[in-house]
Protein backbone atom coordinates (compact mmCIF):
# COMPACT_ATOMS: atom_id res chain seq x y z
CA UNK A 1 -9.73 -2.91 -19.69
CA UNK A 2 -7.32 -3.53 -22.48
CA UNK A 3 -3.56 -3.00 -21.92
CA UNK A 4 -1.70 -0.89 -24.48
CA UNK A 5 1.59 -2.61 -25.10
CA UNK A 6 3.50 -1.34 -28.08
CA UNK A 7 6.88 -2.70 -26.96
CA UNK A 8 8.24 -6.14 -26.89
CA UNK A 9 9.03 -5.88 -23.15
CA UNK A 10 6.72 -7.65 -20.65
CA UNK A 11 5.28 -4.94 -18.44
CA UNK A 12 3.02 -6.96 -16.15
CA UNK A 13 5.21 -6.24 -13.18
CA UNK A 14 5.01 -2.60 -13.90
CA UNK A 15 1.25 -2.73 -13.99
CA UNK A 16 1.26 -4.59 -10.73
CA UNK A 17 3.52 -1.89 -8.99
CA UNK A 18 1.37 0.95 -10.48
CA UNK A 19 -1.84 -0.71 -9.07
CA UNK A 20 -0.21 -1.10 -5.62
CA UNK A 21 0.77 2.47 -5.63
CA UNK A 22 -2.75 3.56 -6.67
CA UNK A 23 -4.32 1.52 -3.95
CA UNK A 24 -2.08 3.16 -1.36
CA UNK A 25 -3.04 6.58 -2.61
CA UNK A 26 -6.70 5.77 -2.54
CA UNK A 27 -6.34 4.42 0.99
CA UNK A 28 -4.73 7.71 2.10
CA UNK A 29 -7.36 9.86 0.50
CA UNK A 30 -10.21 7.83 2.13
CA UNK A 31 -8.70 8.47 5.58
CA UNK A 32 -9.27 12.16 5.07
CA UNK A 33 -12.70 12.05 3.59
CA UNK A 34 -15.74 13.16 5.55
CA UNK A 35 -17.80 10.11 6.10
CA UNK A 36 -21.62 10.74 6.59
CA UNK A 37 -23.13 14.10 7.32
CA UNK A 38 -21.51 14.63 10.72
CA UNK A 39 -19.63 17.96 10.37
CA UNK A 40 -18.84 18.50 14.10
CA UNK A 41 -16.82 15.37 14.54
CA UNK A 42 -13.32 15.63 13.18
CA UNK A 43 -10.79 12.86 12.78
CA UNK A 44 -7.88 13.90 14.95
CA UNK A 45 -4.42 12.71 13.84
CA UNK A 46 -5.84 10.96 10.77
CA UNK A 47 -2.42 11.10 9.07
CA UNK A 48 -0.72 9.80 12.04
CA UNK A 49 -3.06 6.86 12.28
CA UNK A 50 -2.49 5.95 8.61
CA UNK A 51 1.23 6.22 8.95
CA UNK A 52 1.20 3.88 11.86
CA UNK A 53 -0.89 1.50 9.85
CA UNK A 54 1.67 1.67 7.00
CA UNK A 55 4.58 1.26 9.41
CA UNK A 56 3.00 -1.84 10.79
CA UNK A 57 2.48 -3.33 7.36
CA UNK A 58 5.99 -2.51 6.42
CA UNK A 59 7.47 -4.09 9.59
CA UNK A 60 5.34 -7.26 9.00
CA UNK A 61 6.59 -7.44 5.43
CA UNK A 62 10.24 -6.91 6.47
CA UNK A 63 9.93 -9.57 9.22
CA UNK A 64 8.61 -12.12 6.72
CA UNK A 65 11.40 -11.40 4.23
CA UNK A 66 13.93 -11.68 7.09
CA UNK A 67 12.52 -14.95 8.18
CA UNK A 68 12.66 -16.23 4.76
CA UNK A 69 16.31 -15.17 4.23
CA UNK A 70 17.22 -16.65 7.50
CA UNK A 71 15.70 -20.05 6.64
CA UNK A 72 17.35 -19.81 3.13
CA UNK A 73 20.80 -19.23 4.82
CA UNK A 74 20.43 -22.18 7.14
CA UNK A 75 20.19 -24.57 4.17
């Protein structure tokens, strides 16, 4: 897929951010999809489960950044 870039500004970071946002949106939509032909079984608290997973990822990322900042400050 070709990138359309008519400006002189490097937009690779913007494409990365857009891709990450799109992946998150797709993951959320997949949580609510009906998998298989089972109609009787309903996913209870699907949004809650996906929010918990997101919070865990965010906490992990923040912990990693805090650790890096702490080691940088020690030097």
